[in-house]
N, C-alpha and C. Protein backbone atom coordinates (compact mmCIF):
# COMPACT_ATOMS: atom_id res chain seq x y z
N GLN A 1 17.18 11.17 -0.66
CA GLN A 1 16.58 9.87 -0.81
C GLN A 1 15.26 9.82 -0.05
N VAL A 2 14.25 9.18 -0.65
CA VAL A 2 12.96 9.02 -0.02
C VAL A 2 13.00 7.80 0.88
N GLN A 3 12.60 7.97 2.14
CA GLN A 3 12.53 6.87 3.09
C GLN A 3 11.09 6.62 3.50
N LEU A 4 10.69 5.35 3.54
CA LEU A 4 9.33 4.95 3.84
C LEU A 4 9.33 3.93 4.98
N VAL A 5 8.40 4.08 5.93
CA VAL A 5 8.30 3.17 7.06
C VAL A 5 6.84 2.80 7.27
N GLU A 6 6.51 1.51 7.08
CA GLU A 6 5.15 1.03 7.28
C GLU A 6 4.91 0.69 8.75
N SER A 7 3.65 0.77 9.16
CA SER A 7 3.24 0.34 10.49
C SER A 7 1.76 -0.02 10.46
N GLY A 8 1.31 -0.70 11.50
CA GLY A 8 -0.09 -1.05 11.64
C GLY A 8 -0.43 -2.50 11.38
N GLY A 9 0.51 -3.27 10.87
CA GLY A 9 0.25 -4.68 10.61
C GLY A 9 0.08 -5.46 11.90
N THR A 10 -0.86 -6.42 11.89
CA THR A 10 -1.12 -7.23 13.07
C THR A 10 -1.91 -8.46 12.66
N SER A 11 -2.32 -9.26 13.64
CA SER A 11 -3.20 -10.40 13.41
C SER A 11 -4.64 -9.96 13.60
N VAL A 12 -5.52 -10.38 12.70
CA VAL A 12 -6.92 -10.00 12.76
C VAL A 12 -7.77 -11.16 12.26
N GLN A 13 -8.99 -11.26 12.76
CA GLN A 13 -9.89 -12.32 12.32
C GLN A 13 -10.56 -11.96 11.00
N ALA A 14 -10.90 -12.98 10.23
CA ALA A 14 -11.59 -12.78 8.96
C ALA A 14 -12.84 -11.94 9.15
N GLY A 15 -13.06 -11.00 8.23
CA GLY A 15 -14.19 -10.09 8.31
C GLY A 15 -13.87 -8.80 9.02
N GLY A 16 -12.72 -8.71 9.65
CA GLY A 16 -12.33 -7.53 10.38
C GLY A 16 -11.74 -6.45 9.49
N SER A 17 -11.36 -5.34 10.12
CA SER A 17 -10.79 -4.20 9.42
C SER A 17 -9.45 -3.83 10.03
N LEU A 18 -8.62 -3.15 9.23
CA LEU A 18 -7.29 -2.76 9.67
C LEU A 18 -6.83 -1.58 8.82
N ARG A 19 -6.13 -0.64 9.44
CA ARG A 19 -5.55 0.47 8.69
C ARG A 19 -4.04 0.45 8.82
N LEU A 20 -3.37 0.41 7.67
CA LEU A 20 -1.92 0.49 7.62
C LEU A 20 -1.49 1.92 7.34
N SER A 21 -0.32 2.30 7.87
CA SER A 21 0.23 3.62 7.64
C SER A 21 1.62 3.52 7.06
N CYS A 22 2.01 4.50 6.28
CA CYS A 22 3.35 4.59 5.72
C CYS A 22 3.85 6.01 5.92
N ALA A 23 4.84 6.18 6.80
CA ALA A 23 5.42 7.48 7.06
C ALA A 23 6.50 7.77 6.02
N VAL A 24 6.42 8.95 5.42
CA VAL A 24 7.35 9.36 4.37
C VAL A 24 8.34 10.37 4.94
N SER A 25 9.59 10.33 4.47
CA SER A 25 10.64 11.17 5.02
C SER A 25 10.40 12.66 4.83
N ASN A 26 9.64 13.02 3.80
CA ASN A 26 9.30 14.40 3.53
C ASN A 26 8.01 14.45 2.73
N ASN A 27 7.55 15.64 2.43
CA ASN A 27 6.33 15.81 1.65
C ASN A 27 6.40 14.98 0.37
N ILE A 28 5.34 14.21 0.11
CA ILE A 28 5.31 13.30 -1.03
C ILE A 28 5.37 14.05 -2.36
N GLY A 29 4.90 15.27 -2.37
CA GLY A 29 4.96 16.10 -3.57
C GLY A 29 4.09 15.56 -4.68
N ASP A 30 4.71 15.30 -5.84
CA ASP A 30 3.98 14.80 -6.99
C ASP A 30 4.35 13.35 -7.32
N PHE A 31 4.75 12.59 -6.31
CA PHE A 31 5.10 11.18 -6.50
C PHE A 31 3.85 10.32 -6.67
N TYR A 32 4.03 9.20 -7.35
CA TYR A 32 3.06 8.12 -7.33
C TYR A 32 3.36 7.26 -6.11
N MET A 33 2.34 7.01 -5.30
CA MET A 33 2.47 6.19 -4.10
C MET A 33 1.66 4.92 -4.27
N ALA A 34 2.15 3.83 -3.71
CA ALA A 34 1.49 2.54 -3.93
C ALA A 34 1.59 1.64 -2.71
N TRP A 35 0.63 0.74 -2.61
CA TRP A 35 0.67 -0.37 -1.67
C TRP A 35 0.79 -1.67 -2.45
N PHE A 36 1.76 -2.48 -2.09
CA PHE A 36 1.96 -3.82 -2.62
C PHE A 36 1.87 -4.82 -1.48
N ARG A 37 1.73 -6.10 -1.83
CA ARG A 37 1.81 -7.15 -0.82
C ARG A 37 2.49 -8.37 -1.42
N GLN A 38 3.09 -9.18 -0.55
CA GLN A 38 3.76 -10.38 -0.99
C GLN A 38 3.58 -11.48 0.05
N ALA A 39 3.00 -12.59 -0.38
CA ALA A 39 2.84 -13.77 0.46
C ALA A 39 4.02 -14.71 0.21
N PRO A 40 4.34 -15.58 1.16
CA PRO A 40 5.46 -16.50 0.98
C PRO A 40 5.34 -17.32 -0.29
N GLY A 41 6.41 -17.36 -1.08
CA GLY A 41 6.43 -18.14 -2.30
C GLY A 41 5.67 -17.53 -3.46
N LYS A 42 5.15 -16.32 -3.30
CA LYS A 42 4.38 -15.68 -4.36
C LYS A 42 5.03 -14.37 -4.79
N ASP A 43 4.65 -13.89 -5.98
CA ASP A 43 5.16 -12.62 -6.48
C ASP A 43 4.56 -11.45 -5.73
N ARG A 44 5.30 -10.35 -5.71
CA ARG A 44 4.78 -9.13 -5.13
C ARG A 44 3.70 -8.56 -6.05
N GLU A 45 2.54 -8.22 -5.50
CA GLU A 45 1.43 -7.73 -6.30
C GLU A 45 1.00 -6.34 -5.88
N GLY A 46 0.74 -5.50 -6.88
CA GLY A 46 0.27 -4.15 -6.63
C GLY A 46 -1.20 -4.13 -6.30
N LEU A 47 -1.60 -3.34 -5.30
CA LEU A 47 -2.97 -3.31 -4.83
C LEU A 47 -3.67 -1.98 -5.10
N ALA A 48 -3.00 -0.89 -4.77
CA ALA A 48 -3.63 0.43 -4.84
C ALA A 48 -2.59 1.49 -5.12
N ILE A 49 -2.95 2.47 -5.95
CA ILE A 49 -2.05 3.54 -6.37
C ILE A 49 -2.69 4.89 -6.08
N LEU A 50 -1.89 5.84 -5.63
CA LEU A 50 -2.35 7.21 -5.41
C LEU A 50 -1.33 8.18 -6.00
N TYR A 51 -1.82 9.11 -6.83
CA TYR A 51 -0.97 10.19 -7.35
C TYR A 51 -1.09 11.35 -6.37
N SER A 52 -0.01 11.63 -5.64
CA SER A 52 -0.08 12.54 -4.50
C SER A 52 -0.47 13.97 -4.87
N LYS A 53 -0.17 14.41 -6.08
CA LYS A 53 -0.46 15.78 -6.48
C LYS A 53 -1.96 16.05 -6.54
N THR A 54 -2.71 15.07 -7.04
CA THR A 54 -4.14 15.25 -7.23
C THR A 54 -5.00 14.33 -6.37
N ALA A 55 -4.38 13.36 -5.70
CA ALA A 55 -5.06 12.33 -4.91
C ALA A 55 -5.87 11.37 -5.76
N MET A 56 -5.62 11.34 -7.06
CA MET A 56 -6.27 10.36 -7.92
C MET A 56 -5.83 8.96 -7.52
N THR A 57 -6.76 8.01 -7.52
CA THR A 57 -6.48 6.65 -7.07
C THR A 57 -6.86 5.62 -8.12
N THR A 58 -6.16 4.49 -8.09
CA THR A 58 -6.42 3.36 -8.95
C THR A 58 -6.26 2.09 -8.14
N TYR A 59 -7.17 1.12 -8.33
CA TYR A 59 -7.15 -0.11 -7.55
C TYR A 59 -7.09 -1.34 -8.44
N HIS A 60 -6.39 -2.36 -7.95
CA HIS A 60 -6.45 -3.66 -8.58
C HIS A 60 -7.84 -4.24 -8.35
N ASP A 61 -8.34 -4.97 -9.34
CA ASP A 61 -9.69 -5.52 -9.25
C ASP A 61 -9.90 -6.38 -8.00
N SER A 62 -8.86 -7.04 -7.54
CA SER A 62 -8.99 -7.96 -6.43
C SER A 62 -9.33 -7.28 -5.11
N VAL A 63 -9.09 -5.97 -5.00
CA VAL A 63 -9.34 -5.27 -3.74
C VAL A 63 -10.33 -4.13 -3.87
N LYS A 64 -10.89 -3.91 -5.06
CA LYS A 64 -11.88 -2.86 -5.24
C LYS A 64 -13.08 -3.10 -4.34
N GLY A 65 -13.51 -2.06 -3.65
CA GLY A 65 -14.65 -2.16 -2.75
C GLY A 65 -14.29 -2.59 -1.35
N ARG A 66 -13.05 -3.05 -1.12
CA ARG A 66 -12.62 -3.47 0.21
C ARG A 66 -11.49 -2.61 0.76
N PHE A 67 -10.55 -2.21 -0.10
CA PHE A 67 -9.38 -1.45 0.33
C PHE A 67 -9.48 -0.01 -0.19
N THR A 68 -9.00 0.94 0.61
CA THR A 68 -8.99 2.35 0.22
C THR A 68 -7.63 2.96 0.52
N ILE A 69 -7.00 3.56 -0.48
CA ILE A 69 -5.73 4.25 -0.30
C ILE A 69 -6.00 5.74 -0.14
N SER A 70 -5.24 6.39 0.74
CA SER A 70 -5.41 7.82 0.97
C SER A 70 -4.13 8.41 1.52
N GLN A 71 -4.07 9.74 1.60
CA GLN A 71 -2.94 10.45 2.17
C GLN A 71 -3.44 11.50 3.15
N ASP A 72 -2.59 11.92 4.08
CA ASP A 72 -2.97 12.97 5.01
C ASP A 72 -2.82 14.33 4.35
N ASP A 73 -3.32 15.37 5.01
CA ASP A 73 -3.33 16.71 4.41
C ASP A 73 -1.92 17.23 4.16
N ALA A 74 -0.98 16.88 5.02
CA ALA A 74 0.40 17.33 4.88
C ALA A 74 1.19 16.52 3.86
N LYS A 75 0.63 15.45 3.37
CA LYS A 75 1.25 14.57 2.38
C LYS A 75 2.56 13.97 2.88
N ILE A 76 2.57 13.59 4.16
CA ILE A 76 3.73 12.91 4.73
C ILE A 76 3.37 11.53 5.26
N THR A 77 2.10 11.13 5.10
CA THR A 77 1.67 9.81 5.52
C THR A 77 0.72 9.23 4.48
N LEU A 78 0.94 7.98 4.12
CA LEU A 78 0.07 7.23 3.22
C LEU A 78 -0.67 6.17 4.03
N PHE A 79 -1.95 5.96 3.71
CA PHE A 79 -2.76 5.00 4.44
C PHE A 79 -3.33 3.94 3.50
N LEU A 80 -3.59 2.77 4.07
CA LEU A 80 -4.37 1.75 3.39
C LEU A 80 -5.42 1.24 4.37
N GLN A 81 -6.68 1.60 4.14
CA GLN A 81 -7.78 1.12 4.96
C GLN A 81 -8.30 -0.17 4.36
N MET A 82 -8.26 -1.24 5.12
CA MET A 82 -8.67 -2.55 4.65
C MET A 82 -9.90 -3.01 5.44
N THR A 83 -10.92 -3.47 4.72
CA THR A 83 -12.13 -3.96 5.35
C THR A 83 -12.46 -5.34 4.80
N ASP A 84 -13.35 -6.05 5.51
CA ASP A 84 -13.76 -7.40 5.11
C ASP A 84 -12.55 -8.27 4.78
N LEU A 85 -11.60 -8.30 5.68
CA LEU A 85 -10.37 -9.04 5.45
C LEU A 85 -10.61 -10.53 5.36
N LYS A 86 -9.84 -11.18 4.50
CA LYS A 86 -9.97 -12.61 4.24
C LYS A 86 -8.62 -13.29 4.49
N PRO A 87 -8.63 -14.60 4.79
CA PRO A 87 -7.36 -15.29 5.02
C PRO A 87 -6.36 -15.13 3.87
N GLU A 88 -6.85 -15.05 2.64
CA GLU A 88 -5.97 -14.87 1.49
C GLU A 88 -5.32 -13.49 1.42
N ASP A 89 -5.73 -12.56 2.29
CA ASP A 89 -5.08 -11.26 2.40
C ASP A 89 -3.80 -11.33 3.23
N THR A 90 -3.54 -12.46 3.86
CA THR A 90 -2.34 -12.62 4.67
C THR A 90 -1.09 -12.44 3.81
N ALA A 91 -0.22 -11.51 4.20
CA ALA A 91 0.97 -11.19 3.44
C ALA A 91 1.77 -10.12 4.17
N VAL A 92 2.97 -9.86 3.67
CA VAL A 92 3.71 -8.68 4.08
C VAL A 92 3.29 -7.54 3.15
N TYR A 93 2.89 -6.43 3.74
CA TYR A 93 2.43 -5.29 2.97
C TYR A 93 3.51 -4.21 2.91
N TYR A 94 3.74 -3.68 1.71
CA TYR A 94 4.78 -2.69 1.48
C TYR A 94 4.19 -1.41 0.88
N CYS A 95 4.72 -0.27 1.28
CA CYS A 95 4.43 0.96 0.55
C CYS A 95 5.62 1.28 -0.34
N ALA A 96 5.36 1.99 -1.42
CA ALA A 96 6.39 2.30 -2.40
C ALA A 96 6.12 3.66 -3.02
N ALA A 97 7.18 4.27 -3.57
CA ALA A 97 7.06 5.59 -4.19
C ALA A 97 7.84 5.63 -5.49
N ALA A 98 7.31 6.36 -6.47
CA ALA A 98 7.95 6.48 -7.77
C ALA A 98 7.74 7.88 -8.34
N PRO A 99 8.76 8.50 -8.92
CA PRO A 99 8.59 9.81 -9.55
C PRO A 99 7.89 9.75 -10.90
N GLN A 100 8.00 8.63 -11.59
CA GLN A 100 7.35 8.43 -12.89
C GLN A 100 6.84 7.01 -12.99
N ILE A 101 5.85 6.81 -13.86
CA ILE A 101 5.27 5.50 -14.13
C ILE A 101 5.28 5.25 -15.62
N ARG A 102 5.65 4.03 -16.02
CA ARG A 102 5.56 3.61 -17.42
C ARG A 102 4.67 2.38 -17.51
N PHE A 103 3.80 2.39 -18.48
CA PHE A 103 2.91 1.29 -18.84
C PHE A 103 1.84 1.04 -17.76
N SER A 104 2.20 0.40 -16.66
CA SER A 104 1.23 0.08 -15.62
C SER A 104 1.75 0.48 -14.25
N PRO A 105 0.93 1.16 -13.44
CA PRO A 105 1.37 1.52 -12.09
C PRO A 105 1.42 0.34 -11.14
N PHE A 106 0.94 -0.82 -11.58
CA PHE A 106 0.96 -2.01 -10.74
C PHE A 106 2.24 -2.82 -10.90
N LEU A 107 3.17 -2.37 -11.73
CA LEU A 107 4.44 -3.05 -11.92
C LEU A 107 5.45 -2.58 -10.87
N ALA A 108 5.96 -3.51 -10.09
CA ALA A 108 6.87 -3.17 -9.00
C ALA A 108 8.14 -2.49 -9.50
N GLY A 109 8.56 -2.80 -10.73
CA GLY A 109 9.77 -2.22 -11.28
C GLY A 109 9.72 -0.71 -11.46
N ASN A 110 8.53 -0.12 -11.42
CA ASN A 110 8.40 1.33 -11.51
C ASN A 110 8.90 2.05 -10.27
N TYR A 111 8.95 1.36 -9.14
CA TYR A 111 9.13 2.01 -7.85
C TYR A 111 10.55 1.84 -7.30
N PRO A 112 11.33 2.92 -7.24
CA PRO A 112 12.69 2.83 -6.69
C PRO A 112 12.76 2.90 -5.17
N PHE A 113 11.68 3.32 -4.51
CA PHE A 113 11.69 3.51 -3.07
C PHE A 113 10.66 2.61 -2.42
N TRP A 114 11.09 1.87 -1.39
CA TRP A 114 10.25 0.90 -0.70
C TRP A 114 10.43 0.98 0.81
N GLY A 115 9.35 0.67 1.54
CA GLY A 115 9.45 0.49 2.97
C GLY A 115 9.93 -0.91 3.31
N GLN A 116 10.05 -1.20 4.60
CA GLN A 116 10.56 -2.50 5.05
C GLN A 116 9.48 -3.57 5.12
N GLY A 117 8.22 -3.18 5.03
CA GLY A 117 7.11 -4.10 5.07
C GLY A 117 6.54 -4.28 6.46
N THR A 118 5.24 -4.60 6.52
CA THR A 118 4.57 -4.89 7.78
C THR A 118 3.66 -6.10 7.58
N GLN A 119 3.70 -7.03 8.53
CA GLN A 119 3.00 -8.30 8.40
C GLN A 119 1.53 -8.15 8.77
N VAL A 120 0.66 -8.65 7.90
CA VAL A 120 -0.77 -8.75 8.17
C VAL A 120 -1.16 -10.22 8.11
N THR A 121 -1.75 -10.72 9.18
CA THR A 121 -2.17 -12.11 9.25
C THR A 121 -3.67 -12.15 9.55
N VAL A 122 -4.43 -12.80 8.67
CA VAL A 122 -5.88 -12.89 8.81
C VAL A 122 -6.25 -14.33 9.13
N SER A 123 -6.89 -14.55 10.26
CA SER A 123 -7.25 -15.88 10.73
C SER A 123 -8.71 -16.17 10.44
N SER A 124 -9.02 -17.45 10.17
CA SER A 124 -10.39 -17.88 9.93
C SER A 124 -11.17 -17.98 11.23
């Protein structure tokens, strides 16, 4: 079973930067890796996708130019570098992993493996 643990969430002022990490139980291999977020009362939304075999990335339009997804050389850690943070970025952030994707990589139902989430709070 793939186990994921997020870290790095904290409180930050608007306009600031933050890097989240997701530790993976073993080498990611050829999995699709993703960052999602969920604010209270709202649906979980996909933000950024990385195909670990090739490091190809895909971003939701809402975070293009601000967020960057990446992996370490050993492929046991996933990162999300966030810049120019806004109050509307406040949410619990989750990493997820999937062996296959159908239709859209931004659909949460594709991902059988999830971390516990880490809270990011952006203040004005």
